[in-house]
């Protein structure tokens, strides 16, 4: 993958969500909410607080979904990132 976000943006890959509850009930894909945590894959040139490989928490329903090399990614403005885990 050859993608570099510009300015104050980060490219992230969403983390996987458990498809089973603690009591053992399976949750179908159409009933799951998209996770609000993701692994940072690339950072823009003006980003200082986030590094490659960090797991970030971001605001729900934010970012632009893109597909690169057959994988789904999300481009987020740094202002939509709540924090680093």
C-alpha atoms as a PDB file:
ATOM      1  CA  UNK A   1       0.000   0.000   0.000  1.00  0.00           C
ATOM      2  CA  UNK A   2       1.340   3.384  -0.969  1.00  0.00           C
ATOM      3  CA  UNK A   3      -0.898   5.984   0.693  1.00  0.00           C
ATOM      4  CA  UNK A   4       0.169   8.981   2.783  1.00  0.00           C
ATOM      5  CA  UNK A   5      -2.555  11.104   4.399  1.00  0.00           C
ATOM      6  CA  UNK A   6      -2.073  14.834   4.000  1.00  0.00           C
ATOM      7  CA  UNK A   7      -1.962  17.447   6.742  1.00  0.00           C
ATOM      8  CA  UNK A   8      -3.716  16.583   9.976  1.00  0.00           C
ATOM      9  CA  UNK A   9      -5.138  13.204   8.928  1.00  0.00           C
ATOM     10  CA  UNK A  10      -4.454   9.592   9.880  1.00  0.00           C
ATOM     11  CA  UNK A  11      -5.139   6.365   7.989  1.00  0.00           C
ATOM     12  CA  UNK A  12      -6.491   3.660  10.279  1.00  0.00           C
ATOM     13  CA  UNK A  13      -7.674   0.068  10.053  1.00  0.00           C
ATOM     14  CA  UNK A  14     -10.632  -0.743  12.306  1.00  0.00           C
ATOM     15  CA  UNK A  15     -10.085  -3.364  14.981  1.00  0.00           C
ATOM     16  CA  UNK A  16     -12.179  -6.510  14.921  1.00  0.00           C
ATOM     17  CA  UNK A  17     -15.261  -6.676  17.126  1.00  0.00           C
ATOM     18  CA  UNK A  18     -16.142  -9.809  19.078  1.00  0.00           C
ATOM     19  CA  UNK A  19     -19.103 -11.502  17.398  1.00  0.00           C
ATOM     20  CA  UNK A  20     -20.138 -13.356  20.560  1.00  0.00           C
ATOM     21  CA  UNK A  21     -21.462 -11.975  23.844  1.00  0.00           C
ATOM     22  CA  UNK A  22     -20.054 -12.978  27.231  1.00  0.00           C
ATOM     23  CA  UNK A  23     -22.953 -15.399  27.668  1.00  0.00           C
ATOM     24  CA  UNK A  24     -22.164 -17.143  24.349  1.00  0.00           C
ATOM     25  CA  UNK A  25     -24.808 -15.617  22.079  1.00  0.00           C
ATOM     26  CA  UNK A  26     -23.570 -14.921  18.533  1.00  0.00           C
ATOM     27  CA  UNK A  27     -24.280 -11.480  17.103  1.00  0.00           C
ATOM     28  CA  UNK A  28     -25.023 -11.352  13.355  1.00  0.00           C
ATOM     29  CA  UNK A  29     -22.973  -8.929  11.230  1.00  0.00           C
ATOM     30  CA  UNK A  30     -25.977  -6.736  10.425  1.00  0.00           C
ATOM     31  CA  UNK A  31     -26.677  -6.182  14.155  1.00  0.00           C
ATOM     32  CA  UNK A  32     -23.131  -5.212  15.140  1.00  0.00           C
ATOM     33  CA  UNK A  33     -22.038  -1.620  15.446  1.00  0.00           C
ATOM     34  CA  UNK A  34     -18.782  -0.641  13.801  1.00  0.00           C
ATOM     35  CA  UNK A  35     -15.934  -0.377  16.299  1.00  0.00           C
ATOM     36  CA  UNK A  36     -14.666   3.005  17.443  1.00  0.00           C
ATOM     37  CA  UNK A  37     -11.095   1.773  17.847  1.00  0.00           C
ATOM     38  CA  UNK A  38      -8.548   1.337  15.101  1.00  0.00           C
ATOM     39  CA  UNK A  39      -4.851   0.730  14.445  1.00  0.00           C
ATOM     40  CA  UNK A  40      -2.923   3.628  12.894  1.00  0.00           C
ATOM     41  CA  UNK A  41      -1.428   2.604   9.528  1.00  0.00           C
ATOM     42  CA  UNK A  42      -0.177   5.993   8.250  1.00  0.00           C
ATOM     43  CA  UNK A  43       0.010   9.550   9.603  1.00  0.00           C
ATOM     44  CA  UNK A  44       0.008  12.961   7.972  1.00  0.00           C
ATOM     45  CA  UNK A  45       2.974  15.315   8.124  1.00  0.00           C
ATOM     46  CA  UNK A  46       1.428  17.627  10.750  1.00  0.00           C
ATOM     47  CA  UNK A  47       0.633  14.888  13.294  1.00  0.00           C
ATOM     48  CA  UNK A  48       2.744  14.777  16.469  1.00  0.00           C
ATOM     49  CA  UNK A  49       0.717  12.893  19.104  1.00  0.00           C
ATOM     50  CA  UNK A  50      -0.111   9.738  17.134  1.00  0.00           C
ATOM     51  CA  UNK A  51       2.413   7.179  15.856  1.00  0.00           C
ATOM     52  CA  UNK A  52       2.269   4.210  13.515  1.00  0.00           C
ATOM     53  CA  UNK A  53       0.861   1.142  15.238  1.00  0.00           C
ATOM     54  CA  UNK A  54      -1.010   3.092  17.943  1.00  0.00           C
ATOM     55  CA  UNK A  55      -4.561   2.037  18.760  1.00  0.00           C
ATOM     56  CA  UNK A  56      -6.811   5.115  18.703  1.00  0.00           C
ATOM     57  CA  UNK A  57     -10.378   5.775  19.811  1.00  0.00           C
ATOM     58  CA  UNK A  58     -12.365   8.037  17.508  1.00  0.00           C
ATOM     59  CA  UNK A  59     -15.783   9.669  17.339  1.00  0.00           C
ATOM     60  CA  UNK A  60     -18.554   7.506  15.961  1.00  0.00           C
ATOM     61  CA  UNK A  61     -19.705   8.109  12.355  1.00  0.00           C
ATOM     62  CA  UNK A  62     -16.560  10.076  11.440  1.00  0.00           C
ATOM     63  CA  UNK A  63     -13.981   9.651   8.725  1.00  0.00           C
ATOM     64  CA  UNK A  64     -13.919   8.655   5.086  1.00  0.00           C
ATOM     65  CA  UNK A  65     -13.956   4.963   4.221  1.00  0.00           C
ATOM     66  CA  UNK A  66     -11.589   3.901   1.440  1.00  0.00           C
ATOM     67  CA  UNK A  67     -10.458   0.575   0.016  1.00  0.00           C
ATOM     68  CA  UNK A  68      -6.758   0.019  -0.706  1.00  0.00           C
ATOM     69  CA  UNK A  69      -5.314  -3.259  -1.960  1.00  0.00           C
ATOM     70  CA  UNK A  70      -8.623  -4.991  -1.204  1.00  0.00           C
ATOM     71  CA  UNK A  71      -8.717  -3.912   2.479  1.00  0.00           C
ATOM     72  CA  UNK A  72     -11.031  -1.379   4.120  1.00  0.00           C
ATOM     73  CA  UNK A  73      -9.475   1.650   5.804  1.00  0.00           C
ATOM     74  CA  UNK A  74     -10.695   4.888   7.320  1.00  0.00           C
ATOM     75  CA  UNK A  75      -9.149   8.350   6.906  1.00  0.00           C
ATOM     76  CA  UNK A  76      -9.739  10.476  10.003  1.00  0.00           C
ATOM     77  CA  UNK A  77      -9.064  14.121  10.749  1.00  0.00           C
ATOM     78  CA  UNK A  78      -6.977  14.305  13.911  1.00  0.00           C
ATOM     79  CA  UNK A  79      -9.743  16.389  15.540  1.00  0.00           C
ATOM     80  CA  UNK A  80     -11.996  13.281  15.398  1.00  0.00           C
ATOM     81  CA  UNK A  81      -9.493  11.170  17.326  1.00  0.00           C
ATOM     82  CA  UNK A  82     -10.479  11.132  21.003  1.00  0.00           C
ATOM     83  CA  UNK A  83      -7.367   9.449  22.372  1.00  0.00           C
ATOM     84  CA  UNK A  84      -4.625   6.829  22.136  1.00  0.00           C
ATOM     85  CA  UNK A  85      -4.781   3.520  24.013  1.00  0.00           C
END
